[in-house]
Amino acid sequence: MKWFITLIVAIFVLAACGSNNNSGNNGENSGSKGDTVKWKLGHLADENHIWHATAEKFAELVNEKTDGGIEITIYPSNTLGGETDTINAIHAGTADLVFSGETLENWAPKAALLATPYAFRDGDHVKSVVEGDIGAEIEKQIIEEAELTPLFYLTRAPRNLTSNKPIEKVEDIKGFKMRVPNVPLFLDAWDSVGAKPQVMDFNEVFTGLQQNVIDGQENPVDLIQSGALYEVQDYVNRTEHVYSWIYVLVGNEQFNALTEEQQEAVREAAAEAQEFGAKLFEDEIDQIESELEEAGMEFIDVDQDSFREKMEPALKETLSEEQYELYEKILEVE
C-alpha cells in the first residue's frame, strides 16, 4: 500500500513539473497575461540611420504602451542577417520583426511594385499609392503570402546610381558591374540598359567596391551615407529610377499571439513611430546630400528619359500580367 501511494505522489509531481516547464517555454512568444514578450527586430542600416532611430522610438513606445509587456531588441547592420535571412528567421521563430521593401516580392509578387523603376513620379505620388487602395492590395498579399503583418511604412529617398565615373545618359552604363538587391525586376531592368547587375547583400557592398568586384550600386542617399560608400565612390548619378517606401513588419504568428490589448498598443505605437520617422526623413535628407558633397561626392544630373525608355519594355516583359496591371494603375494615380 505504501509503495502504491508513493507511486501516485511521484506521478503527480512529475505532471506538475512538466506543466511548469511548458509554461516557461511559451513565455517569450505568448501574449498571455503576466508574460514578457521579447521580440527581435532586424534591419540593414547602421545605428546612425533614420531607420534605426525610428526603430528605437517604436520599441520605446511599444514598451511604454504595453506597460513593459513587450520588449523589442534592435539588431542594425544586418546582424540578424540580410532581409531574406531575417524574414526566414521570422518564419522559423528565431526573429520577429524586419524592415523590408521590394525583397518581399520573393514571397508576395505584388510587392515588386514597391520598387518598379520609373513607376512613381515623386514622394507625394508614393504616399497616394501606399495609403490608398493599391497599397491595401499589396499589404493584403504580404500578409497572406509572406506571412508578415505590415505595421507602418517609411517613405524612402529616390534610388540613385553611384560610380567612380560620371554617368549622364544610358549609353554610359554599358558593361557597368553593379550590385542590386535580391529583386528579380532590378536584375532585368538594369540588364536591359546594358549594365551587368549582380545580387549582393548590402553589408558586402563596401568591400565589393573596394576590391573592384563591382563598379557601383544604387540606393537612396541615406544608405549611401550609412554604408560609408563615399569612401569608395566618387559620384552620385541622379537617375532617381525608384521612388519607394519600406515596411516595418512583424510575423503573423508573433502578432496573433498577442492579446487584443497588446495588438492595439502595438498599432498605436506604429502610427506614432511612422510620424516620428517621417519628420526625421524630412529634416535629414537634404542635409545628407550636403554631407555627401562635403565628403567628396559629386552629384551628376542624368538624362532620366533615356533610362526610362530603355527600361519600360523590360518591365512589360518581366512583370506578370497581374503585376503589370497594378503598375498601370499606379501610373494613373494622381
Protein backbone atom coordinates (compact mmCIF):
# COMPACT_ATOMS: atom_id res chain seq x y z
CA MET A 1 0.00 0.00 0.00
CA LYS A 2 2.84 2.40 0.91
CA TRP A 3 4.51 1.58 -2.41
CA PHE A 4 1.28 2.37 -4.27
CA ILE A 5 0.81 5.75 -2.51
CA THR A 6 4.45 6.70 -3.22
CA LEU A 7 3.95 5.91 -6.92
CA ILE A 8 0.81 8.06 -7.15
CA VAL A 9 2.56 11.02 -5.47
CA ALA A 10 5.52 10.70 -7.86
CA ILE A 11 3.22 10.74 -10.88
CA PHE A 12 1.51 13.95 -9.68
CA VAL A 13 4.88 15.65 -9.02
CA LEU A 14 6.18 14.79 -12.50
CA ALA A 15 2.97 16.01 -14.10
CA ALA A 16 3.22 19.32 -12.24
CA CYS A 17 6.86 19.80 -13.28
CA GLY A 18 6.01 19.09 -16.89
CA SER A 19 3.22 21.67 -16.80
CA ASN A 20 5.57 24.30 -15.33
CA ASN A 21 8.24 23.64 -17.99
CA ASN A 22 5.78 24.08 -20.86
CA SER A 23 4.55 27.36 -19.41
CA GLY A 24 8.13 28.64 -19.19
CA ASN A 25 8.94 27.73 -22.79
CA ASN A 26 5.96 29.64 -24.09
CA GLY A 27 6.61 32.76 -22.03
CA GLU A 28 8.70 34.70 -24.54
CA ASN A 29 6.38 34.13 -27.51
CA SER A 30 2.99 34.32 -25.84
CA GLY A 31 0.84 37.34 -25.20
CA SER A 32 -0.82 35.78 -22.19
CA LYS A 33 -1.16 37.84 -19.01
CA GLY A 34 1.97 38.05 -16.91
CA ASP A 35 4.43 37.09 -19.66
CA THR A 36 7.00 39.46 -21.14
CA VAL A 37 7.09 39.14 -24.90
CA LYS A 38 10.63 39.56 -26.22
CA TRP A 39 10.91 40.45 -29.89
CA LYS A 40 13.96 40.81 -32.16
CA LEU A 41 13.90 43.44 -34.92
CA GLY A 42 16.49 43.38 -37.71
CA HIS A 43 17.37 45.97 -40.36
CA LEU A 44 20.28 46.65 -42.73
CA ALA A 45 21.17 50.26 -41.81
CA ASP A 46 23.71 51.33 -39.19
CA GLU A 47 22.98 52.93 -35.82
CA ASN A 48 23.19 56.48 -37.22
CA HIS A 49 20.46 55.90 -39.79
CA ILE A 50 16.90 57.25 -39.74
CA TRP A 51 15.56 53.69 -39.67
CA HIS A 52 17.46 52.84 -36.52
CA ALA A 53 16.29 55.98 -34.73
CA THR A 54 12.72 55.18 -35.78
CA ALA A 55 13.08 51.57 -34.64
CA GLU A 56 14.31 52.77 -31.25
CA LYS A 57 11.34 55.12 -30.94
CA PHE A 58 8.96 52.33 -31.92
CA ALA A 59 10.47 49.95 -29.35
CA GLU A 60 10.22 52.63 -26.66
CA LEU A 61 6.57 53.34 -27.50
CA VAL A 62 5.62 49.66 -27.59
CA ASN A 63 7.21 49.04 -24.21
CA GLU A 64 5.53 52.11 -22.74
CA LYS A 65 2.07 51.33 -24.15
CA THR A 66 2.18 47.69 -23.02
CA ASP A 67 3.41 48.57 -19.51
CA GLY A 68 6.61 46.65 -20.16
CA GLY A 69 4.74 43.68 -21.60
CA ILE A 70 6.67 43.74 -24.89
CA GLU A 71 10.41 44.32 -25.15
CA ILE A 72 11.97 44.85 -28.59
CA THR A 73 15.70 44.41 -29.12
CA ILE A 74 17.02 46.03 -32.31
CA TYR A 75 19.73 44.49 -34.48
CA PRO A 76 21.12 47.03 -37.03
CA SER A 77 23.63 46.48 -39.84
CA ASN A 78 22.22 43.08 -40.84
CA THR A 79 23.43 41.50 -37.59
CA LEU A 80 20.47 39.12 -37.82
CA GLY A 81 21.36 38.51 -41.48
CA GLY A 82 20.16 40.18 -44.67
CA GLU A 83 16.47 40.89 -45.32
CA THR A 84 15.84 37.45 -46.79
CA ASP A 85 17.64 35.74 -43.90
CA THR A 86 15.70 37.75 -41.33
CA ILE A 87 12.35 37.02 -42.97
CA ASN A 88 13.20 33.32 -42.98
CA ALA A 89 14.20 33.62 -39.32
CA ILE A 90 10.82 35.21 -38.53
CA HIS A 91 9.10 32.27 -40.18
CA ALA A 92 11.29 29.92 -38.13
CA GLY A 93 10.52 31.80 -34.90
CA THR A 94 14.08 32.99 -34.20
CA ALA A 95 13.38 36.64 -35.13
CA ASP A 96 10.18 38.69 -35.05
CA LEU A 97 10.33 41.98 -36.98
CA VAL A 98 12.11 43.32 -40.05
CA PHE A 99 12.42 46.41 -42.22
CA SER A 100 11.74 45.23 -45.78
CA GLY A 101 10.56 46.54 -49.12
CA GLU A 102 10.83 45.12 -52.61
CA THR A 103 12.61 42.00 -51.32
CA LEU A 104 9.13 40.87 -50.25
CA GLU A 105 8.48 40.15 -53.93
CA ASN A 106 10.11 36.77 -53.36
CA TRP A 107 7.02 35.83 -51.29
CA ALA A 108 4.35 38.30 -52.40
CA PRO A 109 4.65 39.17 -56.13
CA LYS A 110 2.72 42.45 -55.84
CA ALA A 111 5.46 43.79 -53.55
CA ALA A 112 7.60 44.17 -56.70
CA LEU A 113 5.63 47.35 -57.28
CA LEU A 114 7.29 48.93 -54.23
CA ALA A 115 10.34 49.49 -56.38
CA THR A 116 9.34 49.31 -60.03
CA PRO A 117 11.65 51.64 -61.98
CA TYR A 118 10.00 54.90 -63.00
CA ALA A 119 6.58 53.88 -61.67
CA PHE A 120 6.44 56.79 -59.22
CA ARG A 121 6.86 60.47 -60.04
CA ASP A 122 7.78 61.71 -56.56
CA GLY A 123 7.19 61.26 -52.83
CA ASP A 124 3.63 62.60 -52.96
CA HIS A 125 2.76 60.02 -55.61
CA VAL A 126 4.19 57.28 -53.39
CA LYS A 127 2.09 58.44 -50.43
CA SER A 128 -1.10 58.47 -52.52
CA VAL A 129 -0.46 54.89 -53.63
CA VAL A 130 0.65 53.33 -50.34
CA GLU A 131 -2.19 54.91 -48.36
CA GLY A 132 -4.83 54.10 -50.98
CA ASP A 133 -6.48 51.01 -52.45
CA ILE A 134 -3.33 49.83 -54.22
CA GLY A 135 -1.33 49.92 -51.01
CA ALA A 136 -4.07 47.95 -49.24
CA GLU A 137 -3.99 45.38 -52.04
CA ILE A 138 -0.22 44.95 -51.71
CA GLU A 139 -0.40 44.70 -47.92
CA LYS A 140 -3.12 42.03 -48.13
CA GLN A 141 -0.90 39.83 -50.27
CA ILE A 142 2.10 40.38 -47.96
CA ILE A 143 0.01 39.22 -45.00
CA GLU A 144 -1.32 36.18 -46.86
CA GLU A 145 1.73 35.09 -48.86
CA ALA A 146 4.75 36.41 -46.93
CA GLU A 147 3.06 35.70 -43.56
CA LEU A 148 4.12 39.12 -42.30
CA THR A 149 1.94 41.94 -40.99
CA PRO A 150 2.90 45.49 -42.07
CA LEU A 151 2.78 47.75 -39.00
CA PHE A 152 3.84 51.02 -40.60
CA TYR A 153 5.78 52.37 -43.56
CA LEU A 154 8.52 54.91 -44.16
CA THR A 155 9.00 56.86 -47.38
CA ARG A 156 12.42 56.46 -48.95
CA ALA A 157 14.57 58.95 -50.83
CA PRO A 158 14.86 58.14 -54.56
CA ARG A 159 17.37 55.49 -55.54
CA ASN A 160 20.42 56.85 -57.35
CA LEU A 161 23.37 55.16 -59.01
CA THR A 162 26.85 55.61 -57.52
CA SER A 163 30.05 55.18 -59.52
CA ASN A 164 33.65 56.27 -59.97
CA LYS A 165 32.92 57.84 -63.35
CA PRO A 166 30.11 60.24 -64.28
CA ILE A 167 27.05 58.57 -65.81
CA GLU A 168 24.92 61.13 -67.64
CA LYS A 169 22.98 59.00 -70.14
CA VAL A 170 22.03 55.39 -70.66
CA GLU A 171 24.90 54.74 -73.08
CA ASP A 172 27.40 55.43 -70.27
CA ILE A 173 26.35 52.36 -68.33
CA LYS A 174 27.18 49.66 -70.87
CA GLY A 175 29.17 46.87 -69.17
CA PHE A 176 28.88 48.55 -65.74
CA LYS A 177 29.15 45.92 -62.97
CA MET A 178 26.68 46.88 -60.27
CA ARG A 179 25.15 45.50 -57.12
CA VAL A 180 21.37 45.17 -56.84
CA PRO A 181 19.24 43.74 -54.01
CA ASN A 182 17.67 40.31 -54.38
CA VAL A 183 14.84 41.57 -56.60
CA PRO A 184 14.38 39.86 -60.00
CA LEU A 185 12.87 43.00 -61.52
CA PHE A 186 16.01 45.00 -60.71
CA LEU A 187 18.19 42.43 -62.41
CA ASP A 188 16.08 42.54 -65.59
CA ALA A 189 15.70 46.33 -65.62
CA TRP A 190 19.44 47.03 -65.32
CA ASP A 191 20.34 44.25 -67.72
CA SER A 192 18.02 45.86 -70.30
CA VAL A 193 20.07 49.08 -70.29
CA GLY A 194 23.38 47.26 -70.81
CA ALA A 195 24.65 47.06 -67.22
CA LYS A 196 25.86 43.86 -65.55
CA PRO A 197 23.81 43.63 -62.36
CA GLN A 198 24.50 41.07 -59.64
CA VAL A 199 22.76 40.28 -56.35
CA MET A 200 24.73 41.08 -53.21
CA ASP A 201 23.79 41.75 -49.57
CA PHE A 202 24.18 45.40 -48.63
CA ASN A 203 26.73 44.61 -45.94
CA GLU A 204 29.03 43.20 -48.66
CA VAL A 205 28.80 46.25 -50.96
CA PHE A 206 31.59 48.35 -49.42
CA THR A 207 34.12 45.52 -49.74
CA GLY A 208 32.86 44.68 -53.23
CA LEU A 209 33.51 48.26 -54.35
CA GLN A 210 36.84 48.43 -52.54
CA GLN A 211 38.05 45.25 -54.26
CA ASN A 212 36.58 46.22 -57.67
CA VAL A 213 34.25 43.22 -57.70
CA ILE A 214 31.59 45.76 -58.69
CA ASP A 215 31.84 49.22 -60.26
CA GLY A 216 28.87 50.73 -58.44
CA GLN A 217 25.50 50.25 -56.82
CA GLU A 218 22.15 52.00 -56.50
CA ASN A 219 20.48 53.20 -53.30
CA PRO A 220 18.94 56.27 -51.64
CA VAL A 221 21.39 58.84 -50.31
CA ASP A 222 20.74 57.89 -46.68
CA LEU A 223 22.01 54.35 -47.29
CA ILE A 224 24.90 55.66 -49.39
CA GLN A 225 25.95 57.65 -46.34
CA SER A 226 25.09 54.93 -43.82
CA GLY A 227 27.21 52.44 -45.74
CA ALA A 228 30.13 54.92 -45.94
CA LEU A 229 30.12 54.47 -49.71
CA TYR A 230 31.56 57.98 -50.08
CA GLU A 231 34.88 56.40 -49.13
CA VAL A 232 34.90 54.17 -52.22
CA GLN A 233 32.67 56.03 -54.75
CA ASP A 234 33.10 59.45 -56.33
CA TYR A 235 29.74 60.18 -57.97
CA VAL A 236 26.04 60.07 -57.18
CA ASN A 237 24.28 59.97 -60.55
CA ARG A 238 20.72 61.30 -60.23
CA THR A 239 18.92 58.51 -62.06
CA GLU A 240 16.11 58.71 -59.47
CA HIS A 241 14.87 55.47 -61.03
CA VAL A 242 12.88 54.40 -57.97
CA TYR A 243 10.76 56.34 -55.51
CA SER A 244 9.58 53.90 -52.91
CA TRP A 245 8.74 53.02 -49.33
CA ILE A 246 9.74 50.38 -46.82
CA TYR A 247 7.60 48.50 -44.33
CA VAL A 248 8.23 47.61 -40.71
CA LEU A 249 6.73 44.12 -40.45
CA VAL A 250 6.09 41.55 -37.74
CA GLY A 251 5.49 37.85 -38.24
CA ASN A 252 1.79 36.96 -38.41
CA GLU A 253 2.28 34.23 -35.85
CA GLN A 254 4.06 36.56 -33.44
CA PHE A 255 1.46 39.30 -33.80
CA ASN A 256 -1.51 36.95 -33.49
CA ALA A 257 -0.03 35.51 -30.26
CA LEU A 258 -0.57 38.87 -28.56
CA THR A 259 -3.66 39.78 -26.57
CA GLU A 260 -6.11 42.18 -28.23
CA GLU A 261 -4.93 44.94 -25.89
CA GLN A 262 -1.29 44.35 -26.83
CA GLN A 263 -2.13 44.32 -30.55
CA GLU A 264 -3.90 47.65 -30.20
CA ALA A 265 -0.95 49.08 -28.27
CA VAL A 266 1.48 47.95 -30.98
CA ARG A 267 -0.73 49.54 -33.66
CA GLU A 268 -0.83 52.83 -31.73
CA ALA A 269 2.95 52.77 -31.28
CA ALA A 270 3.38 52.06 -35.00
CA ALA A 271 1.28 55.07 -36.01
CA GLU A 272 3.31 57.35 -33.75
CA ALA A 273 6.61 55.88 -34.92
CA GLN A 274 5.60 56.46 -38.55
CA GLU A 275 5.04 60.16 -37.81
CA PHE A 276 8.38 60.32 -35.99
CA GLY A 277 10.20 58.67 -38.93
CA ALA A 278 8.52 60.93 -41.49
CA LYS A 279 9.70 64.02 -39.61
CA LEU A 280 13.26 62.67 -39.41
CA PHE A 281 13.20 61.96 -43.14
CA GLU A 282 12.00 65.47 -43.96
CA ASP A 283 14.65 67.06 -41.76
CA GLU A 284 17.63 64.94 -42.74
CA ILE A 285 17.62 64.02 -46.46
CA ASP A 286 18.74 67.44 -47.76
CA GLN A 287 21.35 67.57 -45.03
CA ILE A 288 22.66 64.13 -46.02
CA GLU A 289 23.16 65.27 -49.63
CA SER A 290 25.19 68.23 -48.39
CA GLU A 291 27.26 65.98 -46.15
CA LEU A 292 27.98 63.60 -49.03
CA GLU A 293 29.20 66.54 -51.09
CA GLU A 294 31.41 67.66 -48.21
CA ALA A 295 32.78 64.11 -48.07
CA GLY A 296 33.87 64.47 -51.71
CA MET A 297 30.98 63.01 -53.73
CA GLU A 298 29.76 64.90 -56.79
CA PHE A 299 26.09 64.81 -57.84
CA ILE A 300 25.58 64.33 -61.59
CA ASP A 301 22.40 65.28 -63.48
CA VAL A 302 21.21 62.38 -65.62
CA ASP A 303 19.09 62.10 -68.76
CA GLN A 304 16.43 60.10 -66.93
CA ASP A 305 14.25 59.75 -70.03
CA SER A 306 16.97 57.72 -71.74
CA PHE A 307 16.90 55.22 -68.86
CA ARG A 308 13.11 55.18 -68.67
CA GLU A 309 12.70 54.46 -72.38
CA LYS A 310 15.16 51.56 -72.25
CA MET A 311 13.68 50.05 -69.08
CA GLU A 312 9.98 50.23 -69.97
CA PRO A 313 9.99 47.32 -72.48
CA ALA A 314 11.85 45.17 -69.94
CA LEU A 315 9.24 45.98 -67.30
CA LYS A 316 6.41 44.83 -69.54
CA GLU A 317 8.28 41.65 -70.39
CA THR A 318 9.36 40.88 -66.81
CA LEU A 319 6.26 41.77 -64.82
CA SER A 320 3.47 39.19 -64.71
CA GLU A 321 0.08 40.17 -66.12
CA GLU A 322 -1.16 40.81 -62.57
CA GLN A 323 1.88 42.93 -61.71
CA TYR A 324 1.73 44.93 -64.94
CA GLU A 325 -1.95 45.75 -64.41
CA LEU A 326 -1.04 47.08 -60.97
CA TYR A 327 1.85 49.06 -62.49
CA GLU A 328 -0.56 50.72 -64.95
CA LYS A 329 -2.95 51.56 -62.10
CA ILE A 330 -0.08 53.21 -60.22
CA LEU A 331 0.76 55.40 -63.22
CA GLU A 332 -2.85 56.66 -63.23
CA VAL A 333 -2.90 57.67 -59.54
CA GLU A 334 -2.87 61.45 -59.11
